[in-house]
């Protein structure tokens, strides 16, 4: 249940290039690359809709939207750096999934709406820290399709937390990747 690279006692020799972070690298790389395609797309749309005099406006709007995408990619990279630190120095335990709530994204294609687009998954998990204190946390995975959700109520999931700060944690799913560590709610 716990990936073999996490079964070693800390400090672990884990880098962002390890298989544990494959899904996260893919999302970040995709965000950086695809956000750049927004610039020519906006220029083309403005040219088609408003004529050749509006290409510059389309480019400027595209640059702004691309910059927003690049900032989101930068935030994902900073979050990944925290996750690498947790994987290198954290305590690994198994938590139990209490609840999985998938909220599908929607895409409008013509007059119909496609509901099975990528969306968000909110997962409530219970785990115990080194002192035996039980923590309940809620994490979120974004840009996930229904097929990628490999956790259900009652499943065991690897939880990695810092011994000095058990509320700083992450969970690992083989198909969804590593959870954002900044979205926990504790009880």
N, C-alpha and C. Protein backbone atom coordinates (compact mmCIF):
# COMPACT_ATOMS: atom_id res chain seq x y z
N UNK A 1 0.82 -1.20 0.00
CA UNK A 1 0.00 0.00 0.00
C UNK A 1 0.87 1.26 0.00
N UNK A 2 1.98 1.24 0.72
CA UNK A 2 2.89 2.38 0.73
C UNK A 2 3.91 2.17 -0.39
N UNK A 3 4.09 3.17 -1.28
CA UNK A 3 5.06 3.01 -2.36
C UNK A 3 6.45 2.69 -1.82
N UNK A 4 7.20 1.89 -2.56
CA UNK A 4 8.49 1.40 -2.06
C UNK A 4 9.48 2.53 -1.77
N UNK A 5 9.42 3.63 -2.55
CA UNK A 5 10.35 4.73 -2.29
C UNK A 5 10.03 5.46 -0.98
N UNK A 6 8.81 5.28 -0.45
CA UNK A 6 8.45 5.91 0.81
C UNK A 6 8.64 4.99 2.01
N UNK A 7 9.00 3.73 1.78
CA UNK A 7 9.18 2.77 2.86
C UNK A 7 10.53 2.93 3.57
N UNK A 8 11.41 3.74 3.03
CA UNK A 8 12.72 4.00 3.62
C UNK A 8 12.56 5.06 4.71
N UNK A 9 13.32 4.91 5.80
CA UNK A 9 13.26 5.92 6.88
C UNK A 9 13.82 7.25 6.40
N UNK A 10 13.29 8.38 6.94
CA UNK A 10 13.80 9.69 6.53
C UNK A 10 15.22 9.90 7.03
N UNK A 11 16.03 10.68 6.39
CA UNK A 11 15.76 11.42 5.16
C UNK A 11 15.84 10.49 3.94
N UNK A 12 14.85 10.60 3.08
CA UNK A 12 14.78 9.77 1.87
C UNK A 12 15.42 10.52 0.71
N UNK A 13 15.95 9.78 -0.23
CA UNK A 13 16.56 10.36 -1.43
C UNK A 13 15.49 10.47 -2.51
N UNK A 14 14.53 11.38 -2.30
CA UNK A 14 13.43 11.57 -3.24
C UNK A 14 13.58 12.94 -3.88
N UNK A 15 13.43 12.96 -5.19
CA UNK A 15 13.51 14.20 -5.95
C UNK A 15 12.21 14.37 -6.73
N UNK A 16 12.01 15.56 -7.26
CA UNK A 16 10.80 15.85 -8.03
C UNK A 16 10.73 15.00 -9.30
N UNK A 17 11.85 14.46 -9.72
CA UNK A 17 11.88 13.64 -10.93
C UNK A 17 11.53 12.17 -10.66
N UNK A 18 11.32 11.78 -9.42
CA UNK A 18 10.98 10.40 -9.10
C UNK A 18 9.56 10.09 -9.56
N UNK A 19 9.25 8.79 -9.67
CA UNK A 19 7.95 8.33 -10.14
C UNK A 19 6.80 8.81 -9.26
N UNK A 20 7.06 9.06 -7.99
CA UNK A 20 6.01 9.52 -7.07
C UNK A 20 5.37 10.80 -7.59
N UNK A 21 6.14 11.63 -8.26
CA UNK A 21 5.66 12.94 -8.72
C UNK A 21 5.34 12.97 -10.21
N UNK A 22 5.24 11.82 -10.85
CA UNK A 22 5.02 11.79 -12.30
C UNK A 22 3.74 12.54 -12.70
N UNK A 23 2.64 12.28 -12.02
CA UNK A 23 1.36 12.93 -12.34
C UNK A 23 1.46 14.43 -12.10
N UNK A 24 2.10 14.84 -11.02
CA UNK A 24 2.24 16.26 -10.71
C UNK A 24 3.10 16.98 -11.75
N UNK A 25 4.20 16.34 -12.19
CA UNK A 25 5.04 16.93 -13.23
C UNK A 25 4.25 17.11 -14.52
N UNK A 26 3.44 16.12 -14.85
CA UNK A 26 2.65 16.16 -16.07
C UNK A 26 1.66 17.34 -16.04
N UNK A 27 0.99 17.54 -14.93
CA UNK A 27 0.03 18.65 -14.80
C UNK A 27 0.74 20.00 -14.93
N UNK A 28 1.88 20.13 -14.25
CA UNK A 28 2.60 21.40 -14.27
C UNK A 28 3.13 21.70 -15.66
N UNK A 29 3.75 20.71 -16.29
CA UNK A 29 4.29 20.89 -17.64
C UNK A 29 3.16 21.26 -18.61
N UNK A 30 2.05 20.56 -18.51
CA UNK A 30 0.92 20.84 -19.39
C UNK A 30 0.40 22.26 -19.22
N UNK A 31 0.33 22.71 -17.98
CA UNK A 31 -0.15 24.07 -17.72
C UNK A 31 0.78 25.11 -18.33
N UNK A 32 2.10 24.91 -18.17
CA UNK A 32 3.06 25.85 -18.76
C UNK A 32 2.97 25.86 -20.28
N UNK A 33 2.89 24.70 -20.89
CA UNK A 33 2.89 24.61 -22.36
C UNK A 33 1.58 25.12 -22.94
N UNK A 34 0.46 24.61 -22.44
CA UNK A 34 -0.82 24.94 -23.04
C UNK A 34 -1.25 26.38 -22.80
N UNK A 35 -0.77 26.99 -21.74
CA UNK A 35 -1.16 28.39 -21.52
C UNK A 35 -0.55 29.29 -22.59
N UNK A 36 0.56 28.87 -23.19
CA UNK A 36 1.16 29.68 -24.25
C UNK A 36 0.33 29.64 -25.54
N UNK A 37 -0.44 28.58 -25.74
CA UNK A 37 -1.29 28.48 -26.92
C UNK A 37 -2.49 29.43 -26.87
N UNK A 38 -2.74 30.00 -25.71
CA UNK A 38 -3.86 30.93 -25.56
C UNK A 38 -3.61 32.21 -26.35
N UNK A 39 -2.36 32.63 -26.46
CA UNK A 39 -2.04 33.90 -27.13
C UNK A 39 -2.46 33.87 -28.61
N UNK A 40 -1.95 32.91 -29.39
CA UNK A 40 -2.40 32.92 -30.80
C UNK A 40 -3.89 32.59 -30.95
N UNK A 41 -4.43 31.79 -30.03
CA UNK A 41 -5.85 31.46 -30.10
C UNK A 41 -6.71 32.71 -29.92
N UNK A 42 -6.37 33.51 -28.92
CA UNK A 42 -7.12 34.77 -28.71
C UNK A 42 -6.95 35.71 -29.89
N UNK A 43 -5.74 35.81 -30.44
CA UNK A 43 -5.51 36.67 -31.60
C UNK A 43 -6.38 36.22 -32.78
N UNK A 44 -6.42 34.91 -33.00
CA UNK A 44 -7.23 34.37 -34.09
C UNK A 44 -8.72 34.63 -33.87
N UNK A 45 -9.19 34.40 -32.67
CA UNK A 45 -10.61 34.62 -32.37
C UNK A 45 -11.00 36.08 -32.54
N UNK A 46 -10.16 37.00 -32.07
CA UNK A 46 -10.46 38.42 -32.22
C UNK A 46 -10.41 38.82 -33.69
N UNK A 47 -9.48 38.25 -34.45
CA UNK A 47 -9.40 38.55 -35.88
C UNK A 47 -10.65 38.06 -36.62
N UNK A 48 -11.08 36.84 -36.28
CA UNK A 48 -12.28 36.30 -36.91
C UNK A 48 -13.54 37.07 -36.53
N UNK A 49 -13.65 37.47 -35.30
CA UNK A 49 -14.86 38.11 -34.80
C UNK A 49 -14.91 39.60 -35.14
N UNK A 50 -13.76 40.30 -35.01
CA UNK A 50 -13.79 41.77 -35.12
C UNK A 50 -12.96 42.33 -36.27
N UNK A 51 -12.26 41.49 -37.00
CA UNK A 51 -11.47 41.97 -38.13
C UNK A 51 -10.00 42.16 -37.78
N UNK A 52 -9.23 42.52 -38.79
CA UNK A 52 -7.77 42.58 -38.62
C UNK A 52 -7.30 43.67 -37.67
N UNK A 53 -8.09 44.68 -37.45
CA UNK A 53 -7.70 45.75 -36.55
C UNK A 53 -7.70 45.35 -35.08
N UNK A 54 -8.26 44.21 -34.76
CA UNK A 54 -8.36 43.80 -33.35
C UNK A 54 -7.39 42.69 -32.98
N UNK A 55 -6.46 42.37 -33.86
CA UNK A 55 -5.49 41.30 -33.56
C UNK A 55 -4.65 41.68 -32.35
N UNK A 56 -4.21 42.92 -32.27
CA UNK A 56 -3.38 43.36 -31.14
C UNK A 56 -4.14 43.21 -29.83
N UNK A 57 -5.43 43.57 -29.83
CA UNK A 57 -6.25 43.40 -28.63
C UNK A 57 -6.32 41.93 -28.24
N UNK A 58 -6.52 41.05 -29.22
CA UNK A 58 -6.55 39.61 -28.95
C UNK A 58 -5.24 39.11 -28.39
N UNK A 59 -4.12 39.61 -28.94
CA UNK A 59 -2.80 39.21 -28.44
C UNK A 59 -2.63 39.67 -26.99
N UNK A 60 -3.02 40.90 -26.70
CA UNK A 60 -2.87 41.42 -25.33
C UNK A 60 -3.73 40.63 -24.33
N UNK A 61 -4.96 40.33 -24.72
CA UNK A 61 -5.82 39.53 -23.84
C UNK A 61 -5.23 38.13 -23.69
N UNK A 62 -4.73 37.57 -24.78
CA UNK A 62 -4.09 36.25 -24.72
C UNK A 62 -2.87 36.24 -23.82
N UNK A 63 -2.06 37.30 -23.88
CA UNK A 63 -0.88 37.40 -23.01
C UNK A 63 -1.30 37.43 -21.54
N UNK A 64 -2.35 38.17 -21.25
CA UNK A 64 -2.84 38.23 -19.86
C UNK A 64 -3.33 36.88 -19.39
N UNK A 65 -4.08 36.19 -20.24
CA UNK A 65 -4.57 34.86 -19.86
C UNK A 65 -3.42 33.86 -19.73
N UNK A 66 -2.44 33.95 -20.63
CA UNK A 66 -1.28 33.06 -20.56
C UNK A 66 -0.48 33.33 -19.28
N UNK A 67 -0.35 34.60 -18.93
CA UNK A 67 0.38 34.95 -17.70
C UNK A 67 -0.32 34.36 -16.48
N UNK A 68 -1.64 34.38 -16.47
CA UNK A 68 -2.38 33.77 -15.37
C UNK A 68 -2.11 32.26 -15.31
N UNK A 69 -2.10 31.61 -16.47
CA UNK A 69 -1.78 30.18 -16.51
C UNK A 69 -0.37 29.90 -16.03
N UNK A 70 0.58 30.74 -16.42
CA UNK A 70 1.97 30.56 -15.99
C UNK A 70 2.10 30.78 -14.48
N UNK A 71 1.37 31.72 -13.92
CA UNK A 71 1.39 31.94 -12.46
C UNK A 71 0.82 30.73 -11.72
N UNK A 72 -0.23 30.13 -12.29
CA UNK A 72 -0.79 28.93 -11.67
C UNK A 72 0.24 27.79 -11.72
N UNK A 73 0.96 27.67 -12.83
CA UNK A 73 2.02 26.67 -12.95
C UNK A 73 3.12 26.92 -11.93
N UNK A 74 3.48 28.18 -11.73
CA UNK A 74 4.49 28.52 -10.73
C UNK A 74 4.03 28.15 -9.33
N UNK A 75 2.75 28.39 -9.04
CA UNK A 75 2.21 28.00 -7.73
C UNK A 75 2.27 26.48 -7.55
N UNK A 76 1.96 25.73 -8.62
CA UNK A 76 2.06 24.27 -8.54
C UNK A 76 3.50 23.82 -8.29
N UNK A 77 4.46 24.52 -8.91
CA UNK A 77 5.88 24.17 -8.69
C UNK A 77 6.29 24.44 -7.25
N UNK A 78 5.83 25.56 -6.69
CA UNK A 78 6.17 25.87 -5.30
C UNK A 78 5.54 24.84 -4.36
N UNK A 79 4.31 24.44 -4.65
CA UNK A 79 3.64 23.42 -3.86
C UNK A 79 4.38 22.09 -3.97
N UNK A 80 4.89 21.79 -5.17
CA UNK A 80 5.64 20.55 -5.38
C UNK A 80 6.92 20.55 -4.56
N UNK A 81 7.55 21.70 -4.42
CA UNK A 81 8.78 21.79 -3.62
C UNK A 81 8.48 21.43 -2.15
N UNK A 82 7.35 21.91 -1.64
CA UNK A 82 6.95 21.55 -0.27
C UNK A 82 6.67 20.06 -0.18
N UNK A 83 6.03 19.50 -1.21
CA UNK A 83 5.71 18.07 -1.22
C UNK A 83 6.97 17.23 -1.25
N UNK A 84 7.98 17.65 -2.01
CA UNK A 84 9.25 16.92 -2.05
C UNK A 84 9.89 16.93 -0.66
N UNK A 85 9.88 18.07 0.01
CA UNK A 85 10.41 18.16 1.37
C UNK A 85 9.69 17.19 2.31
N UNK A 86 8.36 17.15 2.18
CA UNK A 86 7.59 16.22 3.02
C UNK A 86 7.96 14.78 2.71
N UNK A 87 8.08 14.45 1.44
CA UNK A 87 8.43 13.07 1.07
C UNK A 87 9.83 12.70 1.54
N UNK A 88 10.74 13.67 1.54
CA UNK A 88 12.11 13.39 1.98
C UNK A 88 12.19 13.24 3.50
N UNK A 89 11.46 14.07 4.23
CA UNK A 89 11.65 14.15 5.68
C UNK A 89 10.45 13.74 6.51
N UNK A 90 9.34 13.40 5.89
CA UNK A 90 8.11 13.13 6.62
C UNK A 90 8.00 11.71 7.13
N UNK A 91 7.07 11.54 8.05
CA UNK A 91 6.72 10.24 8.62
C UNK A 91 5.60 9.67 7.76
N UNK A 92 5.72 8.40 7.37
CA UNK A 92 4.71 7.77 6.53
C UNK A 92 3.82 6.88 7.39
N UNK A 93 2.52 7.02 7.21
CA UNK A 93 1.56 6.18 7.90
C UNK A 93 0.41 5.90 6.92
N UNK A 94 -0.45 5.02 7.32
CA UNK A 94 -1.63 4.76 6.50
C UNK A 94 -2.82 5.47 7.12
N UNK A 95 -3.56 6.18 6.30
CA UNK A 95 -4.79 6.82 6.74
C UNK A 95 -5.97 6.08 6.12
N UNK A 96 -7.14 6.38 6.63
CA UNK A 96 -8.37 5.77 6.12
C UNK A 96 -9.23 6.84 5.47
N UNK A 97 -9.69 6.56 4.25
CA UNK A 97 -10.54 7.50 3.53
C UNK A 97 -11.94 7.44 4.13
N UNK A 98 -12.45 8.59 4.56
CA UNK A 98 -13.81 8.69 5.10
C UNK A 98 -14.83 8.99 4.02
N UNK A 99 -14.46 9.89 3.11
CA UNK A 99 -15.42 10.35 2.12
C UNK A 99 -14.67 10.81 0.87
N UNK A 100 -15.24 10.51 -0.30
CA UNK A 100 -14.69 10.97 -1.57
C UNK A 100 -15.82 11.71 -2.30
N UNK A 101 -15.57 12.96 -2.63
CA UNK A 101 -16.58 13.78 -3.31
C UNK A 101 -16.00 14.30 -4.61
N UNK A 102 -16.46 13.72 -5.74
CA UNK A 102 -16.00 14.13 -7.06
C UNK A 102 -16.95 15.17 -7.62
N UNK A 103 -16.42 16.29 -8.04
CA UNK A 103 -17.22 17.34 -8.67
C UNK A 103 -16.72 17.51 -10.08
N UNK A 104 -17.48 16.96 -11.02
CA UNK A 104 -17.07 16.94 -12.43
C UNK A 104 -17.07 18.34 -13.02
N UNK A 105 -16.13 18.55 -13.90
CA UNK A 105 -16.12 19.76 -14.69
C UNK A 105 -17.06 19.58 -15.88
N UNK A 106 -17.47 20.66 -16.47
CA UNK A 106 -18.36 20.57 -17.63
C UNK A 106 -17.74 21.32 -18.80
N UNK A 107 -17.99 20.80 -19.97
CA UNK A 107 -17.51 21.43 -21.19
C UNK A 107 -18.70 21.55 -22.13
N UNK A 108 -18.92 22.72 -22.67
CA UNK A 108 -20.03 22.92 -23.59
C UNK A 108 -19.52 22.68 -25.02
N UNK A 109 -20.14 21.72 -25.69
CA UNK A 109 -19.79 21.39 -27.07
C UNK A 109 -21.05 21.60 -27.91
N UNK A 110 -21.07 22.69 -28.66
CA UNK A 110 -22.27 23.02 -29.43
C UNK A 110 -23.40 23.33 -28.47
N UNK A 111 -24.52 22.59 -28.64
CA UNK A 111 -25.67 22.81 -27.76
C UNK A 111 -25.70 21.83 -26.59
N UNK A 112 -24.81 20.84 -26.60
CA UNK A 112 -24.81 19.86 -25.51
C UNK A 112 -23.69 20.17 -24.52
N UNK A 113 -23.83 19.65 -23.33
CA UNK A 113 -22.84 19.83 -22.27
C UNK A 113 -22.25 18.48 -21.92
N UNK A 114 -20.93 18.41 -21.93
CA UNK A 114 -20.22 17.19 -21.58
C UNK A 114 -19.85 17.28 -20.10
N UNK A 115 -20.36 16.37 -19.29
CA UNK A 115 -20.18 16.45 -17.85
C UNK A 115 -18.94 15.70 -17.37
N UNK A 116 -18.44 14.77 -18.15
CA UNK A 116 -17.34 13.94 -17.66
C UNK A 116 -15.96 14.56 -17.86
N UNK A 117 -15.90 15.87 -17.98
CA UNK A 117 -14.62 16.54 -18.09
C UNK A 117 -13.90 16.50 -16.74
N UNK A 118 -12.63 16.85 -16.75
CA UNK A 118 -11.85 16.85 -15.52
C UNK A 118 -12.46 17.83 -14.52
N UNK A 119 -12.38 17.46 -13.26
CA UNK A 119 -12.95 18.29 -12.21
C UNK A 119 -12.10 18.23 -10.95
N UNK A 120 -12.77 18.30 -9.81
CA UNK A 120 -12.11 18.30 -8.52
C UNK A 120 -12.56 17.09 -7.70
N UNK A 121 -11.65 16.59 -6.88
CA UNK A 121 -11.98 15.52 -5.95
C UNK A 121 -11.60 15.99 -4.56
N UNK A 122 -12.56 15.96 -3.65
CA UNK A 122 -12.31 16.30 -2.25
C UNK A 122 -12.33 14.99 -1.47
N UNK A 123 -11.29 14.76 -0.69
CA UNK A 123 -11.15 13.50 0.05
C UNK A 123 -10.96 13.81 1.53
N UNK A 124 -11.81 13.23 2.36
CA UNK A 124 -11.64 13.30 3.81
C UNK A 124 -10.88 12.06 4.24
N UNK A 125 -9.83 12.25 5.02
CA UNK A 125 -9.00 11.13 5.46
C UNK A 125 -8.69 11.28 6.96
N UNK A 126 -8.63 10.14 7.65
CA UNK A 126 -8.28 10.11 9.08
C UNK A 126 -6.92 9.42 9.19
N UNK A 127 -6.03 10.02 9.98
CA UNK A 127 -4.74 9.39 10.24
C UNK A 127 -4.29 9.74 11.65
N UNK A 128 -3.34 8.97 12.16
CA UNK A 128 -2.81 9.23 13.50
C UNK A 128 -1.37 9.69 13.38
N UNK A 129 -1.02 10.69 14.22
CA UNK A 129 0.36 11.13 14.25
C UNK A 129 1.17 10.22 15.18
N UNK A 130 2.43 10.52 15.36
CA UNK A 130 3.33 9.68 16.17
C UNK A 130 2.90 9.55 17.62
N UNK A 131 2.20 10.54 18.16
CA UNK A 131 1.75 10.48 19.55
C UNK A 131 0.42 9.76 19.70
N UNK A 132 -0.17 9.33 18.58
CA UNK A 132 -1.45 8.62 18.63
C UNK A 132 -2.66 9.53 18.48
N UNK A 133 -2.42 10.83 18.33
CA UNK A 133 -3.53 11.78 18.15
C UNK A 133 -4.14 11.56 16.77
N UNK A 134 -5.45 11.42 16.72
CA UNK A 134 -6.15 11.20 15.46
C UNK A 134 -6.50 12.54 14.81
N UNK A 135 -6.13 12.67 13.56
CA UNK A 135 -6.40 13.88 12.81
C UNK A 135 -7.32 13.55 11.65
N UNK A 136 -8.30 14.41 11.42
CA UNK A 136 -9.18 14.28 10.26
C UNK A 136 -8.85 15.44 9.35
N UNK A 137 -8.60 15.16 8.09
CA UNK A 137 -8.20 16.20 7.16
C UNK A 137 -8.97 16.07 5.86
N UNK A 138 -9.06 17.17 5.15
CA UNK A 138 -9.71 17.20 3.85
C UNK A 138 -8.70 17.74 2.85
N UNK A 139 -8.50 17.00 1.77
CA UNK A 139 -7.57 17.43 0.74
C UNK A 139 -8.30 17.50 -0.59
N UNK A 140 -7.67 18.18 -1.55
CA UNK A 140 -8.29 18.36 -2.85
C UNK A 140 -7.29 18.00 -3.94
N UNK A 141 -7.77 17.26 -4.93
CA UNK A 141 -7.03 17.03 -6.16
C UNK A 141 -7.77 17.77 -7.26
N UNK A 142 -7.05 18.49 -8.10
CA UNK A 142 -7.71 19.21 -9.20
C UNK A 142 -7.33 18.58 -10.53
N UNK A 143 -8.11 18.90 -11.55
CA UNK A 143 -7.88 18.42 -12.91
C UNK A 143 -7.84 16.89 -12.95
N UNK A 144 -8.83 16.27 -12.34
CA UNK A 144 -8.91 14.82 -12.26
C UNK A 144 -10.20 14.37 -12.93
N UNK A 145 -10.14 13.30 -13.71
CA UNK A 145 -11.35 12.74 -14.31
C UNK A 145 -11.91 11.67 -13.38
N UNK A 146 -13.15 11.32 -13.59
CA UNK A 146 -13.81 10.30 -12.76
C UNK A 146 -13.04 8.97 -12.82
N UNK A 147 -12.48 8.64 -13.97
CA UNK A 147 -11.73 7.39 -14.13
C UNK A 147 -10.47 7.36 -13.28
N UNK A 148 -9.88 8.51 -13.02
CA UNK A 148 -8.63 8.58 -12.26
C UNK A 148 -8.84 8.45 -10.75
N UNK A 149 -10.05 8.62 -10.28
CA UNK A 149 -10.32 8.55 -8.85
C UNK A 149 -10.22 7.09 -8.43
N UNK A 150 -9.12 6.75 -7.75
CA UNK A 150 -8.88 5.36 -7.37
C UNK A 150 -9.11 5.11 -5.88
N UNK A 151 -9.66 6.09 -5.16
CA UNK A 151 -9.92 5.93 -3.74
C UNK A 151 -11.42 5.97 -3.49
N UNK A 152 -11.85 5.16 -2.53
CA UNK A 152 -13.25 5.18 -2.12
C UNK A 152 -13.30 5.07 -0.60
N UNK A 153 -14.47 5.26 -0.05
CA UNK A 153 -14.66 5.22 1.39
C UNK A 153 -14.15 3.90 1.96
N UNK A 154 -13.35 4.00 3.02
CA UNK A 154 -12.81 2.82 3.69
C UNK A 154 -11.44 2.39 3.20
N UNK A 155 -10.96 2.93 2.07
CA UNK A 155 -9.64 2.56 1.54
C UNK A 155 -8.53 3.10 2.44
N UNK A 156 -7.42 2.39 2.43
CA UNK A 156 -6.21 2.85 3.10
C UNK A 156 -5.39 3.66 2.11
N UNK A 157 -4.83 4.77 2.55
CA UNK A 157 -4.06 5.64 1.68
C UNK A 157 -2.80 6.10 2.42
N UNK A 158 -1.64 6.14 1.73
CA UNK A 158 -0.43 6.64 2.38
C UNK A 158 -0.55 8.12 2.74
N UNK A 159 -0.23 8.44 3.98
CA UNK A 159 -0.23 9.82 4.47
C UNK A 159 1.19 10.11 4.94
N UNK A 160 1.74 11.22 4.51
CA UNK A 160 3.08 11.63 4.92
C UNK A 160 2.94 12.96 5.65
N UNK A 161 3.46 13.01 6.88
CA UNK A 161 3.33 14.24 7.66
C UNK A 161 4.66 14.54 8.33
N UNK A 162 4.82 15.79 8.76
CA UNK A 162 6.02 16.19 9.49
C UNK A 162 5.80 15.91 10.97
N UNK A 163 6.78 15.30 11.60
CA UNK A 163 6.66 14.92 13.01
C UNK A 163 6.43 16.14 13.90
N UNK A 164 7.13 17.24 13.60
CA UNK A 164 7.00 18.44 14.42
C UNK A 164 5.73 19.23 14.10
N UNK A 165 5.07 18.92 12.99
CA UNK A 165 3.85 19.61 12.59
C UNK A 165 2.94 18.62 11.85
N UNK A 166 2.22 17.76 12.56
CA UNK A 166 1.42 16.72 11.91
C UNK A 166 0.30 17.25 11.01
N UNK A 167 -0.06 18.53 11.17
CA UNK A 167 -1.08 19.10 10.30
C UNK A 167 -0.52 19.41 8.91
N UNK A 168 0.81 19.39 8.77
CA UNK A 168 1.45 19.57 7.47
C UNK A 168 1.61 18.17 6.88
N UNK A 169 0.76 17.83 5.92
CA UNK A 169 0.73 16.46 5.43
C UNK A 169 0.40 16.43 3.95
N UNK A 170 0.48 15.26 3.36
CA UNK A 170 -0.01 15.03 2.02
C UNK A 170 -0.46 13.58 1.92
N UNK A 171 -1.30 13.30 0.92
CA UNK A 171 -1.67 11.92 0.66
C UNK A 171 -1.24 11.58 -0.76
N UNK A 172 -1.01 10.28 -0.99
CA UNK A 172 -0.51 9.83 -2.28
C UNK A 172 -1.47 8.82 -2.89
N UNK A 173 -1.84 9.07 -4.13
CA UNK A 173 -2.71 8.18 -4.90
C UNK A 173 -1.97 7.82 -6.19
N UNK A 174 -1.98 6.55 -6.55
CA UNK A 174 -1.22 6.13 -7.73
C UNK A 174 -1.75 6.76 -9.01
N UNK A 175 -3.05 6.98 -9.13
CA UNK A 175 -3.57 7.55 -10.38
C UNK A 175 -3.75 9.06 -10.33
N UNK A 176 -3.92 9.64 -9.15
CA UNK A 176 -4.15 11.08 -9.05
C UNK A 176 -2.89 11.86 -8.70
N UNK A 177 -1.87 11.20 -8.20
CA UNK A 177 -0.63 11.88 -7.83
C UNK A 177 -0.60 12.24 -6.36
N UNK A 178 0.11 13.31 -6.05
CA UNK A 178 0.25 13.75 -4.67
C UNK A 178 -0.68 14.92 -4.44
N UNK A 179 -1.37 14.90 -3.30
CA UNK A 179 -2.35 15.95 -3.02
C UNK A 179 -1.68 17.28 -2.74
N UNK A 180 -2.39 18.37 -3.00
CA UNK A 180 -1.89 19.66 -2.56
C UNK A 180 -1.84 19.68 -1.04
N UNK A 181 -0.75 20.11 -0.47
CA UNK A 181 -0.59 20.04 0.97
C UNK A 181 -1.13 21.28 1.67
N UNK A 182 -1.60 22.24 0.94
CA UNK A 182 -2.08 23.47 1.56
C UNK A 182 -3.59 23.49 1.72
N UNK A 183 -4.27 22.38 1.42
CA UNK A 183 -5.73 22.42 1.45
C UNK A 183 -6.32 21.58 2.56
N UNK A 184 -5.60 21.41 3.64
CA UNK A 184 -6.11 20.57 4.71
C UNK A 184 -7.04 21.34 5.64
N UNK A 185 -8.06 20.64 6.12
CA UNK A 185 -8.90 21.15 7.19
C UNK A 185 -8.82 20.11 8.30
N UNK A 186 -8.59 20.54 9.51
CA UNK A 186 -8.32 19.60 10.59
C UNK A 186 -9.39 19.69 11.66
N UNK A 187 -9.70 18.55 12.26
CA UNK A 187 -10.62 18.55 13.39
C UNK A 187 -10.00 17.79 14.54
